[in-house]
Every structure is written in structure tokens, then in C-alpha cells.
Amino acid sequence: MENLELTNSKKPEQRDQEYYSALVDKLEQMEGEANNGRGVQHIKYIINSLRRGNIDEAKVDCFNQSDKFDSIPEIKEVIKRELFKEGEKHPWSLFEK
């Protein structure tokens, strides 16, 4: 799996619309390939929130739909790494050491 590698290029506080546009592109690609090419509806909600620049809403969508990510671990990892700042609470924080 190819890493987005955006985290290394910009510190979380410097993330801007260009950063999130690249994240949207990556998530759209991954979402389109998921579920035998049928996509994943809850990822589309997150993509739409990011596209509108509503980062907080995208994060809330992750929390609200967190139980549905088990079938798409690659997308979950990209979201954890790229949407949430290092050390920031995310939906899967409770399950990590």
C-alpha cells in the first residue's frame, strides 16, 4: 500500500486546503477500489466533509462510523495517520496501547 506521506511534508498546524485535497484524492481512489469496486458510503461522507473544508465534521463522521472501518483497514490507517494529528484522540484510540 502506497503511503500518502503528507504528514511528513507538513506539520499538522500547517495543513491547508491543498493538503486536504490530496487526502481527498487518495481516499477517493481507495474508496472506489473498496468493497469489490462498489465503494463505501461512510467514507464518501468523510470525503464530502473534507472537500467542503469541514475538517471537524469529517472527524465527527469518523467517530460516528468507527465500527464500520474493520472491513477497510487500509483506509482506516490513512485516516488515522493523515486526518488526526499525532497524539490527537481518534475513534480507535481506546484500542491502541
C-alpha atoms as a PDB file:
ATOM      1  CA  MET A   1       0.000   0.000   0.000  1.00  0.00           C
ATOM      2  CA  GLU A   2       1.375   3.347  -1.008  1.00  0.00           C
ATOM      3  CA  ASN A   3       1.615   5.899   1.807  1.00  0.00           C
ATOM      4  CA  LEU A   4       0.175   9.329   1.276  1.00  0.00           C
ATOM      5  CA  GLU A   5       3.224  10.795   3.014  1.00  0.00           C
ATOM      6  CA  LEU A   6       1.580  14.150   3.582  1.00  0.00           C
ATOM      7  CA  THR A   7       2.208  14.049   7.299  1.00  0.00           C
ATOM      8  CA  ASN A   8       5.936  14.280   6.748  1.00  0.00           C
ATOM      9  CA  SER A   9       5.684  17.205   4.368  1.00  0.00           C
ATOM     10  CA  LYS A  10       3.646  19.497   6.628  1.00  0.00           C
ATOM     11  CA  LYS A  11       3.187  19.785  10.347  1.00  0.00           C
ATOM     12  CA  PRO A  12      -0.440  19.322  11.441  1.00  0.00           C
ATOM     13  CA  GLU A  13      -0.907  23.011  12.206  1.00  0.00           C
ATOM     14  CA  GLN A  14       0.251  23.858   8.662  1.00  0.00           C
ATOM     15  CA  ARG A  15      -2.217  21.593   6.921  1.00  0.00           C
ATOM     16  CA  ASP A  16      -4.260  23.589   4.461  1.00  0.00           C
ATOM     17  CA  GLN A  17      -6.832  23.002   1.759  1.00  0.00           C
ATOM     18  CA  GLU A  18      -4.150  21.744  -0.633  1.00  0.00           C
ATOM     19  CA  TYR A  19      -3.163  19.108   1.923  1.00  0.00           C
ATOM     20  CA  TYR A  20      -6.761  18.017   2.411  1.00  0.00           C
ATOM     21  CA  SER A  21      -7.385  17.998  -1.360  1.00  0.00           C
ATOM     22  CA  ALA A  22      -4.560  15.475  -1.729  1.00  0.00           C
ATOM     23  CA  LEU A  23      -6.060  13.448   1.115  1.00  0.00           C
ATOM     24  CA  VAL A  24      -9.460  13.519  -0.628  1.00  0.00           C
ATOM     25  CA  ASP A  25      -7.860  12.294  -3.863  1.00  0.00           C
ATOM     26  CA  LYS A  26      -6.213   9.386  -2.049  1.00  0.00           C
ATOM     27  CA  LEU A  27      -9.367   8.473  -0.114  1.00  0.00           C
ATOM     28  CA  GLU A  28     -11.469   8.625  -3.293  1.00  0.00           C
ATOM     29  CA  GLN A  29      -9.084   6.257  -5.024  1.00  0.00           C
ATOM     30  CA  MET A  30      -9.072   3.829  -2.106  1.00  0.00           C
ATOM     31  CA  GLU A  31     -12.830   4.094  -1.551  1.00  0.00           C
ATOM     32  CA  GLY A  32     -13.523   3.396  -5.217  1.00  0.00           C
ATOM     33  CA  GLU A  33     -11.492   0.192  -5.045  1.00  0.00           C
ATOM     34  CA  ALA A  34     -13.049  -0.986  -1.766  1.00  0.00           C
ATOM     35  CA  ASN A  35     -15.970  -3.356  -1.452  1.00  0.00           C
ATOM     36  CA  ASN A  36     -15.350  -5.015  -4.826  1.00  0.00           C
ATOM     37  CA  GLY A  37     -15.466  -1.661  -6.599  1.00  0.00           C
ATOM     38  CA  ARG A  38     -18.794  -0.633  -5.092  1.00  0.00           C
ATOM     39  CA  GLY A  39     -17.241   1.842  -2.690  1.00  0.00           C
ATOM     40  CA  VAL A  40     -18.056   2.549   0.936  1.00  0.00           C
ATOM     41  CA  GLN A  41     -20.802   5.036   1.795  1.00  0.00           C
ATOM     42  CA  HIS A  42     -19.420   6.218   5.148  1.00  0.00           C
ATOM     43  CA  ILE A  43     -16.084   7.051   3.508  1.00  0.00           C
ATOM     44  CA  LYS A  44     -17.980   9.153   0.967  1.00  0.00           C
ATOM     45  CA  TYR A  45     -19.406  11.212   3.858  1.00  0.00           C
ATOM     46  CA  ILE A  46     -15.889  11.847   5.156  1.00  0.00           C
ATOM     47  CA  ILE A  47     -14.658  12.751   1.667  1.00  0.00           C
ATOM     48  CA  ASN A  48     -17.525  15.203   1.176  1.00  0.00           C
ATOM     49  CA  SER A  49     -16.819  16.885   4.513  1.00  0.00           C
ATOM     50  CA  LEU A  50     -13.133  17.230   3.627  1.00  0.00           C
ATOM     51  CA  ARG A  51     -13.959  18.542   0.163  1.00  0.00           C
ATOM     52  CA  ARG A  52     -16.062  21.302   1.752  1.00  0.00           C
ATOM     53  CA  GLY A  53     -13.181  22.124   4.087  1.00  0.00           C
ATOM     54  CA  ASN A  54     -15.107  20.974   7.138  1.00  0.00           C
ATOM     55  CA  ILE A  55     -12.364  19.016   8.891  1.00  0.00           C
ATOM     56  CA  ASP A  56     -14.178  18.827  12.231  1.00  0.00           C
ATOM     57  CA  GLU A  57     -17.242  17.323  10.561  1.00  0.00           C
ATOM     58  CA  ALA A  58     -15.053  14.721   8.846  1.00  0.00           C
ATOM     59  CA  LYS A  59     -13.599  13.777  12.227  1.00  0.00           C
ATOM     60  CA  VAL A  60     -17.076  13.522  13.770  1.00  0.00           C
ATOM     61  CA  ASP A  61     -18.090  11.261  10.868  1.00  0.00           C
ATOM     62  CA  CYS A  62     -15.126   9.020  11.734  1.00  0.00           C
ATOM     63  CA  PHE A  63     -16.272   8.760  15.351  1.00  0.00           C
ATOM     64  CA  ASN A  64     -19.890   8.124  14.345  1.00  0.00           C
ATOM     65  CA  GLN A  65     -18.961   5.418  11.845  1.00  0.00           C
ATOM     66  CA  SER A  66     -15.905   3.943  13.586  1.00  0.00           C
ATOM     67  CA  ASP A  67     -17.435   0.479  13.912  1.00  0.00           C
ATOM     68  CA  LYS A  68     -17.626   0.180  10.124  1.00  0.00           C
ATOM     69  CA  PHE A  69     -13.902   0.516   9.441  1.00  0.00           C
ATOM     70  CA  ASP A  70     -12.909  -3.058  10.303  1.00  0.00           C
ATOM     71  CA  SER A  71     -13.525  -4.208   6.749  1.00  0.00           C
ATOM     72  CA  ILE A  72     -11.326  -1.456   5.291  1.00  0.00           C
ATOM     73  CA  PRO A  73      -8.175  -1.378   7.456  1.00  0.00           C
ATOM     74  CA  GLU A  74      -6.062   0.374   4.803  1.00  0.00           C
ATOM     75  CA  ILE A  75      -8.448   3.323   4.637  1.00  0.00           C
ATOM     76  CA  LYS A  76      -8.686   3.402   8.428  1.00  0.00           C
ATOM     77  CA  GLU A  77      -4.895   3.677   8.718  1.00  0.00           C
ATOM     78  CA  VAL A  78      -4.715   6.525   6.192  1.00  0.00           C
ATOM     79  CA  ILE A  79      -7.444   8.406   8.048  1.00  0.00           C
ATOM     80  CA  LYS A  80      -5.781   7.838  11.433  1.00  0.00           C
ATOM     81  CA  ARG A  81      -2.417   8.999  10.128  1.00  0.00           C
ATOM     82  CA  GLU A  82      -3.486  11.878   7.888  1.00  0.00           C
ATOM     83  CA  LEU A  83      -6.683  13.338   9.354  1.00  0.00           C
ATOM     84  CA  PHE A  84      -5.832  13.206  13.050  1.00  0.00           C
ATOM     85  CA  LYS A  85      -2.778  14.941  14.478  1.00  0.00           C
ATOM     86  CA  GLU A  86      -0.221  12.802  16.274  1.00  0.00           C
ATOM     87  CA  GLY A  87      -1.431  12.315  19.829  1.00  0.00           C
ATOM     88  CA  GLU A  88      -4.940  13.566  18.996  1.00  0.00           C
ATOM     89  CA  LYS A  89      -7.790  11.361  20.163  1.00  0.00           C
ATOM     90  CA  HIS A  90      -9.288   9.403  17.286  1.00  0.00           C
ATOM     91  CA  PRO A  91     -12.058   6.778  17.191  1.00  0.00           C
ATOM     92  CA  TRP A  92      -9.644   3.900  17.584  1.00  0.00           C
ATOM     93  CA  SER A  93      -7.532   5.386  20.400  1.00  0.00           C
ATOM     94  CA  LEU A  94      -9.064   3.136  23.036  1.00  0.00           C
ATOM     95  CA  PHE A  95      -7.868   0.036  21.213  1.00  0.00           C
ATOM     96  CA  GLU A  96      -4.224   1.099  20.936  1.00  0.00           C
ATOM     97  CA  LYS A  97      -1.548   0.693  23.564  1.00  0.00           C
END
